[in-house]
Amino acid sequence: MNDTDIETLIRVIVQPLVVHPEAVEVTETETPRFEQYVLEVHPDDVGRIIGRHGHVAAAIRTIVYSAVNESSRKVRLVIDDHRSHETPTQ
């Protein structure tokens, strides 16, 4: 499965789960150890993607990881929860 297929797979899984499918963005970056895919969704949809106790996020990761299992490089799916973008309050 190539990079475009993995990005498409992530979009196909995530877009039906969110209220703002137009805001779904998947970016691929390579690290020395992983092919990393960062999933960004609208801030209102983060909870839908993570799910109660992280079950939805775990299911999405399981599907993505098993789809690319034949690849020699490891794949990591990071869900951007927008916490790092917030400014601290004083």
PDB file of N, CA and C in Angstrom:
ATOM      1  N   MET A   1       0.854  -1.168   0.000  1.00  0.00           N
ATOM      2  CA  MET A   1       0.000   0.000   0.000  1.00  0.00           C
ATOM      3  C   MET A   1       0.901   1.232   0.000  1.00  0.00           C
ATOM      4  N   ASN A   2       0.678   2.156  -0.935  1.00  0.00           N
ATOM      5  CA  ASN A   2       1.536   3.341  -0.983  1.00  0.00           C
ATOM      6  C   ASN A   2       0.968   4.469  -0.122  1.00  0.00           C
ATOM      7  N   ASP A   3       1.713   5.569  -0.053  1.00  0.00           N
ATOM      8  CA  ASP A   3       1.347   6.682   0.831  1.00  0.00           C
ATOM      9  C   ASP A   3      -0.025   7.256   0.516  1.00  0.00           C
ATOM     10  N   THR A   4      -0.331   7.390  -0.780  1.00  0.00           N
ATOM     11  CA  THR A   4      -1.630   7.938  -1.170  1.00  0.00           C
ATOM     12  C   THR A   4      -2.752   7.023  -0.726  1.00  0.00           C
ATOM     13  N   ASP A   5      -2.560   5.719  -0.849  1.00  0.00           N
ATOM     14  CA  ASP A   5      -3.583   4.767  -0.423  1.00  0.00           C
ATOM     15  C   ASP A   5      -3.813   4.833   1.084  1.00  0.00           C
ATOM     16  N   ILE A   6      -2.763   5.001   1.844  1.00  0.00           N
ATOM     17  CA  ILE A   6      -2.898   5.079   3.299  1.00  0.00           C
ATOM     18  C   ILE A   6      -3.653   6.344   3.681  1.00  0.00           C
ATOM     19  N   GLU A   7      -3.304   7.463   3.051  1.00  0.00           N
ATOM     20  CA  GLU A   7      -4.016   8.710   3.326  1.00  0.00           C
ATOM     21  C   GLU A   7      -5.494   8.577   2.962  1.00  0.00           C
ATOM     22  N   THR A   8      -5.783   7.956   1.829  1.00  0.00           N
ATOM     23  CA  THR A   8      -7.172   7.751   1.408  1.00  0.00           C
ATOM     24  C   THR A   8      -7.904   6.851   2.388  1.00  0.00           C
ATOM     25  N   LEU A   9      -7.262   5.791   2.834  1.00  0.00           N
ATOM     26  CA  LEU A   9      -7.871   4.890   3.811  1.00  0.00           C
ATOM     27  C   LEU A   9      -8.236   5.646   5.085  1.00  0.00           C
ATOM     28  N   ILE A  10      -7.334   6.466   5.575  1.00  0.00           N
ATOM     29  CA  ILE A  10      -7.604   7.235   6.791  1.00  0.00           C
ATOM     30  C   ILE A  10      -8.791   8.164   6.570  1.00  0.00           C
ATOM     31  N   ARG A  11      -8.830   8.838   5.429  1.00  0.00           N
ATOM     32  CA  ARG A  11      -9.951   9.737   5.133  1.00  0.00           C
ATOM     33  C   ARG A  11     -11.273   8.979   5.040  1.00  0.00           C
ATOM     34  N   VAL A  12     -11.267   7.827   4.376  1.00  0.00           N
ATOM     35  CA  VAL A  12     -12.493   7.036   4.207  1.00  0.00           C
ATOM     36  C   VAL A  12     -13.027   6.566   5.557  1.00  0.00           C
ATOM     37  N   ILE A  13     -12.144   6.254   6.468  1.00  0.00           N
ATOM     38  CA  ILE A  13     -12.568   5.821   7.804  1.00  0.00           C
ATOM     39  C   ILE A  13     -13.080   7.001   8.623  1.00  0.00           C
ATOM     40  N   VAL A  14     -12.384   8.126   8.569  1.00  0.00           N
ATOM     41  CA  VAL A  14     -12.651   9.241   9.480  1.00  0.00           C
ATOM     42  C   VAL A  14     -13.809  10.133   9.028  1.00  0.00           C
ATOM     43  N   GLN A  15     -13.913  10.436   7.754  1.00  0.00           N
ATOM     44  CA  GLN A  15     -14.907  11.411   7.303  1.00  0.00           C
ATOM     45  C   GLN A  15     -16.348  11.071   7.693  1.00  0.00           C
ATOM     46  N   PRO A  16     -16.791   9.818   7.641  1.00  0.00           N
ATOM     47  CA  PRO A  16     -18.171   9.540   8.078  1.00  0.00           C
ATOM     48  C   PRO A  16     -18.388   9.710   9.583  1.00  0.00           C
ATOM     49  N   LEU A  17     -17.335   9.758  10.357  1.00  0.00           N
ATOM     50  CA  LEU A  17     -17.453   9.849  11.815  1.00  0.00           C
ATOM     51  C   LEU A  17     -17.570  11.278  12.328  1.00  0.00           C
ATOM     52  N   VAL A  18     -17.238  12.255  11.504  1.00  0.00           N
ATOM     53  CA  VAL A  18     -17.150  13.633  11.982  1.00  0.00           C
ATOM     54  C   VAL A  18     -18.295  14.493  11.458  1.00  0.00           C
ATOM     55  N   VAL A  19     -18.523  15.599  12.134  1.00  0.00           N
ATOM     56  CA  VAL A  19     -19.544  16.558  11.719  1.00  0.00           C
ATOM     57  C   VAL A  19     -19.006  17.474  10.619  1.00  0.00           C
ATOM     58  N   HIS A  20     -17.706  17.712  10.625  1.00  0.00           N
ATOM     59  CA  HIS A  20     -17.058  18.609   9.659  1.00  0.00           C
ATOM     60  C   HIS A  20     -16.078  17.820   8.781  1.00  0.00           C
ATOM     61  N   PRO A  21     -16.578  17.009   7.828  1.00  0.00           N
ATOM     62  CA  PRO A  21     -15.665  16.192   7.012  1.00  0.00           C
ATOM     63  C   PRO A  21     -14.733  17.019   6.130  1.00  0.00           C
ATOM     64  N   GLU A  22     -15.136  18.240   5.819  1.00  0.00           N
ATOM     65  CA  GLU A  22     -14.287  19.097   4.983  1.00  0.00           C
ATOM     66  C   GLU A  22     -13.021  19.534   5.717  1.00  0.00           C
ATOM     67  N   ALA A  23     -13.021  19.424   7.030  1.00  0.00           N
ATOM     68  CA  ALA A  23     -11.865  19.848   7.827  1.00  0.00           C
ATOM     69  C   ALA A  23     -10.862  18.722   8.068  1.00  0.00           C
ATOM     70  N   VAL A  24     -11.140  17.531   7.572  1.00  0.00           N
ATOM     71  CA  VAL A  24     -10.233  16.399   7.784  1.00  0.00           C
ATOM     72  C   VAL A  24      -8.989  16.585   6.918  1.00  0.00           C
ATOM     73  N   GLU A  25      -7.835  16.571   7.558  1.00  0.00           N
ATOM     74  CA  GLU A  25      -6.563  16.683   6.847  1.00  0.00           C
ATOM     75  C   GLU A  25      -5.627  15.579   7.314  1.00  0.00           C
ATOM     76  N   VAL A  26      -4.960  14.962   6.353  1.00  0.00           N
ATOM     77  CA  VAL A  26      -3.983  13.920   6.660  1.00  0.00           C
ATOM     78  C   VAL A  26      -2.674  14.335   6.009  1.00  0.00           C
ATOM     79  N   THR A  27      -1.631  14.445   6.818  1.00  0.00           N
ATOM     80  CA  THR A  27      -0.316  14.785   6.280  1.00  0.00           C
ATOM     81  C   THR A  27       0.665  13.675   6.637  1.00  0.00           C
ATOM     82  N   GLU A  28       1.552  13.410   5.704  1.00  0.00           N
ATOM     83  CA  GLU A  28       2.526  12.331   5.892  1.00  0.00           C
ATOM     84  C   GLU A  28       3.907  12.938   6.060  1.00  0.00           C
ATOM     85  N   THR A  29       4.611  12.495   7.082  1.00  0.00           N
ATOM     86  CA  THR A  29       5.998  12.897   7.293  1.00  0.00           C
ATOM     87  C   THR A  29       6.804  11.642   7.583  1.00  0.00           C
ATOM     88  N   GLU A  30       8.060  11.681   7.205  1.00  0.00           N
ATOM     89  CA  GLU A  30       8.917  10.535   7.475  1.00  0.00           C
ATOM     90  C   GLU A  30       9.872  10.876   8.603  1.00  0.00           C
ATOM     91  N   THR A  31       9.992   9.957   9.512  1.00  0.00           N
ATOM     92  CA  THR A  31      10.972  10.064  10.580  1.00  0.00           C
ATOM     93  C   THR A  31      11.970   8.934  10.362  1.00  0.00           C
ATOM     94  N   PRO A  32      13.073   8.924  11.073  1.00  0.00           N
ATOM     95  CA  PRO A  32      14.037   7.837  10.881  1.00  0.00           C
ATOM     96  C   PRO A  32      13.445   6.448  11.142  1.00  0.00           C
ATOM     97  N   ARG A  33      12.440   6.367  12.009  1.00  0.00           N
ATOM     98  CA  ARG A  33      11.889   5.060  12.371  1.00  0.00           C
ATOM     99  C   ARG A  33      10.517   4.772  11.788  1.00  0.00           C
ATOM    100  N   PHE A  34       9.769   5.806  11.403  1.00  0.00           N
ATOM    101  CA  PHE A  34       8.377   5.618  11.021  1.00  0.00           C
ATOM    102  C   PHE A  34       8.008   6.430   9.788  1.00  0.00           C
ATOM    103  N   GLU A  35       6.959   5.963   9.120  1.00  0.00           N
ATOM    104  CA  GLU A  35       6.193   6.822   8.230  1.00  0.00           C
ATOM    105  C   GLU A  35       5.057   7.305   9.106  1.00  0.00           C
ATOM    106  N   GLN A  36       5.020   8.587   9.363  1.00  0.00           N
ATOM    107  CA  GLN A  36       4.060   9.130  10.318  1.00  0.00           C
ATOM    108  C   GLN A  36       2.959   9.879   9.580  1.00  0.00           C
ATOM    109  N   TYR A  37       1.718   9.566   9.909  1.00  0.00           N
ATOM    110  CA  TYR A  37       0.563  10.250   9.357  1.00  0.00           C
ATOM    111  C   TYR A  37      -0.098  11.022  10.484  1.00  0.00           C
ATOM    112  N   VAL A  38      -0.278  12.318  10.266  1.00  0.00           N
ATOM    113  CA  VAL A  38      -0.909  13.170  11.271  1.00  0.00           C
ATOM    114  C   VAL A  38      -2.320  13.473  10.795  1.00  0.00           C
ATOM    115  N   LEU A  39      -3.287  13.122  11.615  1.00  0.00           N
ATOM    116  CA  LEU A  39      -4.692  13.352  11.319  1.00  0.00           C
ATOM    117  C   LEU A  39      -5.143  14.594  12.064  1.00  0.00           C
ATOM    118  N   GLU A  40      -5.637  15.571  11.316  1.00  0.00           N
ATOM    119  CA  GLU A  40      -6.178  16.786  11.917  1.00  0.00           C
ATOM    120  C   GLU A  40      -7.649  16.878  11.556  1.00  0.00           C
ATOM    121  N   VAL A  41      -8.476  17.154  12.552  1.00  0.00           N
ATOM    122  CA  VAL A  41      -9.905  17.337  12.343  1.00  0.00           C
ATOM    123  C   VAL A  41     -10.328  18.640  13.011  1.00  0.00           C
ATOM    124  N   HIS A  42     -11.547  19.052  12.748  1.00  0.00           N
ATOM    125  CA  HIS A  42     -12.102  20.248  13.388  1.00  0.00           C
ATOM    126  C   HIS A  42     -12.068  20.035  14.902  1.00  0.00           C
ATOM    127  N   PRO A  43     -11.776  21.084  15.673  1.00  0.00           N
ATOM    128  CA  PRO A  43     -11.709  20.921  17.141  1.00  0.00           C
ATOM    129  C   PRO A  43     -12.967  20.303  17.756  1.00  0.00           C
ATOM    130  N   ASP A  44     -14.130  20.562  17.171  1.00  0.00           N
ATOM    131  CA  ASP A  44     -15.369  19.978  17.692  1.00  0.00           C
ATOM    132  C   ASP A  44     -15.451  18.470  17.454  1.00  0.00           C
ATOM    133  N   ASP A  45     -14.650  17.950  16.513  1.00  0.00           N
ATOM    134  CA  ASP A  45     -14.714  16.534  16.148  1.00  0.00           C
ATOM    135  C   ASP A  45     -13.653  15.674  16.821  1.00  0.00           C
ATOM    136  N   VAL A  46     -12.752  16.279  17.556  1.00  0.00           N
ATOM    137  CA  VAL A  46     -11.659  15.517  18.172  1.00  0.00           C
ATOM    138  C   VAL A  46     -12.207  14.412  19.070  1.00  0.00           C
ATOM    139  N   GLY A  47     -13.197  14.719  19.877  1.00  0.00           N
ATOM    140  CA  GLY A  47     -13.785  13.719  20.773  1.00  0.00           C
ATOM    141  C   GLY A  47     -14.409  12.561  20.027  1.00  0.00           C
ATOM    142  N   ARG A  48     -14.997  12.831  18.874  1.00  0.00           N
ATOM    143  CA  ARG A  48     -15.598  11.762  18.067  1.00  0.00           C
ATOM    144  C   ARG A  48     -14.527  10.809  17.538  1.00  0.00           C
ATOM    145  N   ILE A  49     -13.381  11.345  17.193  1.00  0.00           N
ATOM    146  CA  ILE A  49     -12.303  10.522  16.640  1.00  0.00           C
ATOM    147  C   ILE A  49     -11.584   9.747  17.734  1.00  0.00           C
ATOM    148  N   ILE A  50     -11.414  10.350  18.885  1.00  0.00           N
ATOM    149  CA  ILE A  50     -10.748   9.643  19.980  1.00  0.00           C
ATOM    150  C   ILE A  50     -11.698   8.632  20.608  1.00  0.00           C
ATOM    151  N   GLY A  51     -12.942   9.029  20.823  1.00  0.00           N
ATOM    152  CA  GLY A  51     -13.932   8.114  21.388  1.00  0.00           C
ATOM    153  C   GLY A  51     -13.763   7.937  22.885  1.00  0.00           C
ATOM    154  N   ARG A  52     -14.759   7.289  23.463  1.00  0.00           N
ATOM    155  CA  ARG A  52     -14.725   7.048  24.906  1.00  0.00           C
ATOM    156  C   ARG A  52     -13.571   6.111  25.238  1.00  0.00           C
ATOM    157  N   HIS A  53     -12.730   6.535  26.131  1.00  0.00           N
ATOM    158  CA  HIS A  53     -11.546   5.777  26.571  1.00  0.00           C
ATOM    159  C   HIS A  53     -10.595   5.463  25.413  1.00  0.00           C
ATOM    160  N   GLY A  54     -10.683   6.222  24.319  1.00  0.00           N
ATOM    161  CA  GLY A  54      -9.773   6.027  23.196  1.00  0.00           C
ATOM    162  C   GLY A  54     -10.095   4.849  22.304  1.00  0.00           C
ATOM    163  N   HIS A  55     -11.289   4.289  22.426  1.00  0.00           N
ATOM    164  CA  HIS A  55     -11.632   3.089  21.662  1.00  0.00           C
ATOM    165  C   HIS A  55     -11.711   3.348  20.158  1.00  0.00           C
ATOM    166  N   VAL A  56     -12.267   4.478  19.754  1.00  0.00           N
ATOM    167  CA  VAL A  56     -12.376   4.773  18.323  1.00  0.00           C
ATOM    168  C   VAL A  56     -10.985   4.981  17.729  1.00  0.00           C
ATOM    169  N   ALA A  57     -10.147   5.739  18.418  1.00  0.00           N
ATOM    170  CA  ALA A  57      -8.779   5.966  17.938  1.00  0.00           C
ATOM    171  C   ALA A  57      -8.020   4.647  17.822  1.00  0.00           C
ATOM    172  N   ALA A  58      -8.188   3.781  18.788  1.00  0.00           N
ATOM    173  CA  ALA A  58      -7.513   2.475  18.755  1.00  0.00           C
ATOM    174  C   ALA A  58      -7.997   1.643  17.573  1.00  0.00           C
ATOM    175  N   ALA A  59      -9.287   1.691  17.293  1.00  0.00           N
ATOM    176  CA  ALA A  59      -9.831   0.932  16.165  1.00  0.00           C
ATOM    177  C   ALA A  59      -9.303   1.472  14.838  1.00  0.00           C
ATOM    178  N   ILE A  60      -9.249   2.790  14.701  1.00  0.00           N
ATOM    179  CA  ILE A  60      -8.716   3.394  13.475  1.00  0.00           C
ATOM    180  C   ILE A  60      -7.257   2.986  13.294  1.00  0.00           C
ATOM    181  N   ARG A  61      -6.482   3.066  14.348  1.00  0.00           N
ATOM    182  CA  ARG A  61      -5.066   2.679  14.268  1.00  0.00           C
ATOM    183  C   ARG A  61      -4.909   1.206  13.903  1.00  0.00           C
ATOM    184  N   THR A  62      -5.727   0.348  14.476  1.00  0.00           N
ATOM    185  CA  THR A  62      -5.647  -1.084  14.173  1.00  0.00           C
ATOM    186  C   THR A  62      -5.886  -1.340  12.695  1.00  0.00           C
ATOM    187  N   ILE A  63      -6.890  -0.698  12.121  1.00  0.00           N
ATOM    188  CA  ILE A  63      -7.190  -0.878  10.696  1.00  0.00           C
ATOM    189  C   ILE A  63      -6.036  -0.372   9.843  1.00  0.00           C
ATOM    190  N   VAL A  64      -5.541   0.812  10.142  1.00  0.00           N
ATOM    191  CA  VAL A  64      -4.451   1.391   9.348  1.00  0.00           C
ATOM    192  C   VAL A  64      -3.194   0.540   9.466  1.00  0.00           C
ATOM    193  N   TYR A  65      -2.839   0.133  10.672  1.00  0.00           N
ATOM    194  CA  TYR A  65      -1.623  -0.659  10.864  1.00  0.00           C
ATOM    195  C   TYR A  65      -1.715  -2.016  10.172  1.00  0.00           C
ATOM    196  N   SER A  66      -2.877  -2.638  10.201  1.00  0.00           N
ATOM    197  CA  SER A  66      -3.010  -3.950   9.562  1.00  0.00           C
ATOM    198  C   SER A  66      -3.028  -3.827   8.044  1.00  0.00           C
ATOM    199  N   ALA A  67      -3.483  -2.710   7.521  1.00  0.00           N
ATOM    200  CA  ALA A  67      -3.512  -2.515   6.071  1.00  0.00           C
ATOM    201  C   ALA A  67      -2.118  -2.331   5.497  1.00  0.00           C
ATOM    202  N   VAL A  68      -1.193  -1.842   6.285  1.00  0.00           N
ATOM    203  CA  VAL A  68       0.165  -1.598   5.795  1.00  0.00           C
ATOM    204  C   VAL A  68       1.157  -2.609   6.350  1.00  0.00           C
ATOM    205  N   ASN A  69       0.669  -3.687   6.868  1.00  0.00           N
ATOM    206  CA  ASN A  69       1.514  -4.667   7.536  1.00  0.00           C
ATOM    207  C   ASN A  69       2.588  -5.261   6.632  1.00  0.00           C
ATOM    208  N   GLU A  70       2.333  -5.353   5.317  1.00  0.00           N
ATOM    209  CA  GLU A  70       3.326  -5.952   4.431  1.00  0.00           C
ATOM    210  C   GLU A  70       4.516  -5.029   4.176  1.00  0.00           C
ATOM    211  N   SER A  71       4.407  -3.789   4.532  1.00  0.00           N
ATOM    212  CA  SER A  71       5.489  -2.825   4.345  1.00  0.00           C
ATOM    213  C   SER A  71       6.593  -3.072   5.373  1.00  0.00           C
ATOM    214  N   SER A  72       7.827  -2.796   4.976  1.00  0.00           N
ATOM    215  CA  SER A  72       8.933  -3.007   5.909  1.00  0.00           C
ATOM    216  C   SER A  72       9.063  -1.849   6.901  1.00  0.00           C
ATOM    217  N   ARG A  73       8.554  -0.673   6.537  1.00  0.00           N
ATOM    218  CA  ARG A  73       8.610   0.474   7.453  1.00  0.00           C
ATOM    219  C   ARG A  73       7.401   0.481   8.360  1.00  0.00           C
ATOM    220  N   LYS A  74       7.623   0.904   9.577  1.00  0.00           N
ATOM    221  CA  LYS A  74       6.518   1.018  10.521  1.00  0.00           C
ATOM    222  C   LYS A  74       5.730   2.285  10.220  1.00  0.00           C
ATOM    223  N   VAL A  75       4.456   2.223  10.520  1.00  0.00           N
ATOM    224  CA  VAL A  75       3.569   3.358  10.304  1.00  0.00           C
ATOM    225  C   VAL A  75       3.032   3.806  11.647  1.00  0.00           C
ATOM    226  N   ARG A  76       2.953   5.110  11.820  1.00  0.00           N
ATOM    227  CA  ARG A  76       2.400   5.675  13.052  1.00  0.00           C
ATOM    228  C   ARG A  76       1.295   6.651  12.652  1.00  0.00           C
ATOM    229  N   LEU A  77       0.157   6.548  13.331  1.00  0.00           N
ATOM    230  CA  LEU A  77      -0.943   7.483  13.124  1.00  0.00           C
ATOM    231  C   LEU A  77      -1.056   8.359  14.363  1.00  0.00           C
ATOM    232  N   VAL A  78      -0.872   9.652  14.172  1.00  0.00           N
ATOM    233  CA  VAL A  78      -0.960  10.622  15.261  1.00  0.00           C
ATOM    234  C   VAL A  78      -2.231  11.433  15.059  1.00  0.00           C
ATOM    235  N   ILE A  79      -3.041  11.519  16.096  1.00  0.00           N
ATOM    236  CA  ILE A  79      -4.260  12.315  16.031  1.00  0.00           C
ATOM    237  C   ILE A  79      -3.978  13.633  16.732  1.00  0.00           C
ATOM    238  N   ASP A  80      -4.047  14.709  15.970  1.00  0.00           N
ATOM    239  CA  ASP A  80      -3.787  16.039  16.523  1.00  0.00           C
ATOM    240  C   ASP A  80      -5.015  16.472  17.311  1.00  0.00           C
ATOM    241  N   ASP A  81      -4.853  16.591  18.622  1.00  0.00           N
ATOM    242  CA  ASP A  81      -5.988  16.949  19.477  1.00  0.00           C
ATOM    243  C   ASP A  81      -6.050  18.443  19.772  1.00  0.00           C
ATOM    244  N   HIS A  82      -5.238  19.233  19.100  1.00  0.00           N
ATOM    245  CA  HIS A  82      -5.233  20.695  19.190  1.00  0.00           C
ATOM    246  C   HIS A  82      -4.763  21.226  20.538  1.00  0.00           C
ATOM    247  N   ARG A  83      -4.339  20.378  21.445  1.00  0.00           N
ATOM    248  CA  ARG A  83      -3.865  20.872  22.739  1.00  0.00           C
ATOM    249  C   ARG A  83      -2.566  21.648  22.598  1.00  0.00           C
ATOM    250  N   SER A  84      -1.711  21.242  21.685  1.00  0.00           N
ATOM    251  CA  SER A  84      -0.427  21.923  21.533  1.00  0.00           C
ATOM    252  C   SER A  84      -0.577  23.296  20.879  1.00  0.00           C
ATOM    253  N   HIS A  85      -1.744  23.566  20.287  1.00  0.00           N
ATOM    254  CA  HIS A  85      -1.965  24.840  19.607  1.00  0.00           C
ATOM    255  C   HIS A  85      -2.604  25.886  20.510  1.00  0.00           C
ATOM    256  N   GLU A  86      -3.038  25.480  21.681  1.00  0.00           N
ATOM    257  CA  GLU A  86      -3.697  26.417  22.579  1.00  0.00           C
ATOM    258  C   GLU A  86      -2.656  27.284  23.279  1.00  0.00           C
ATOM    259  N   THR A  87      -3.042  28.514  23.555  1.00  0.00           N
ATOM    260  CA  THR A  87      -2.151  29.386  24.305  1.00  0.00           C
ATOM    261  C   THR A  87      -2.453  29.228  25.783  1.00  0.00           C
ATOM    262  N   PRO A  88      -1.437  29.182  26.615  1.00  0.00           N
ATOM    263  CA  PRO A  88      -1.672  29.001  28.049  1.00  0.00           C
ATOM    264  C   PRO A  88      -2.382  30.213  28.646  1.00  0.00           C
ATOM    265  N   THR A  89      -3.258  29.958  29.591  1.00  0.00           N
ATOM    266  CA  THR A  89      -3.951  31.046  30.278  1.00  0.00           C
ATOM    267  C   THR A  89      -3.270  31.306  31.606  1.00  0.00           C
ATOM    268  N   GLN A  90      -3.298  32.544  32.017  1.00  0.00           N
ATOM    269  CA  GLN A  90      -2.631  32.895  33.274  1.00  0.00           C
ATOM    270  C   GLN A  90      -3.635  33.280  34.312  1.00  0.00           C
TER     271      GLN A  90
END
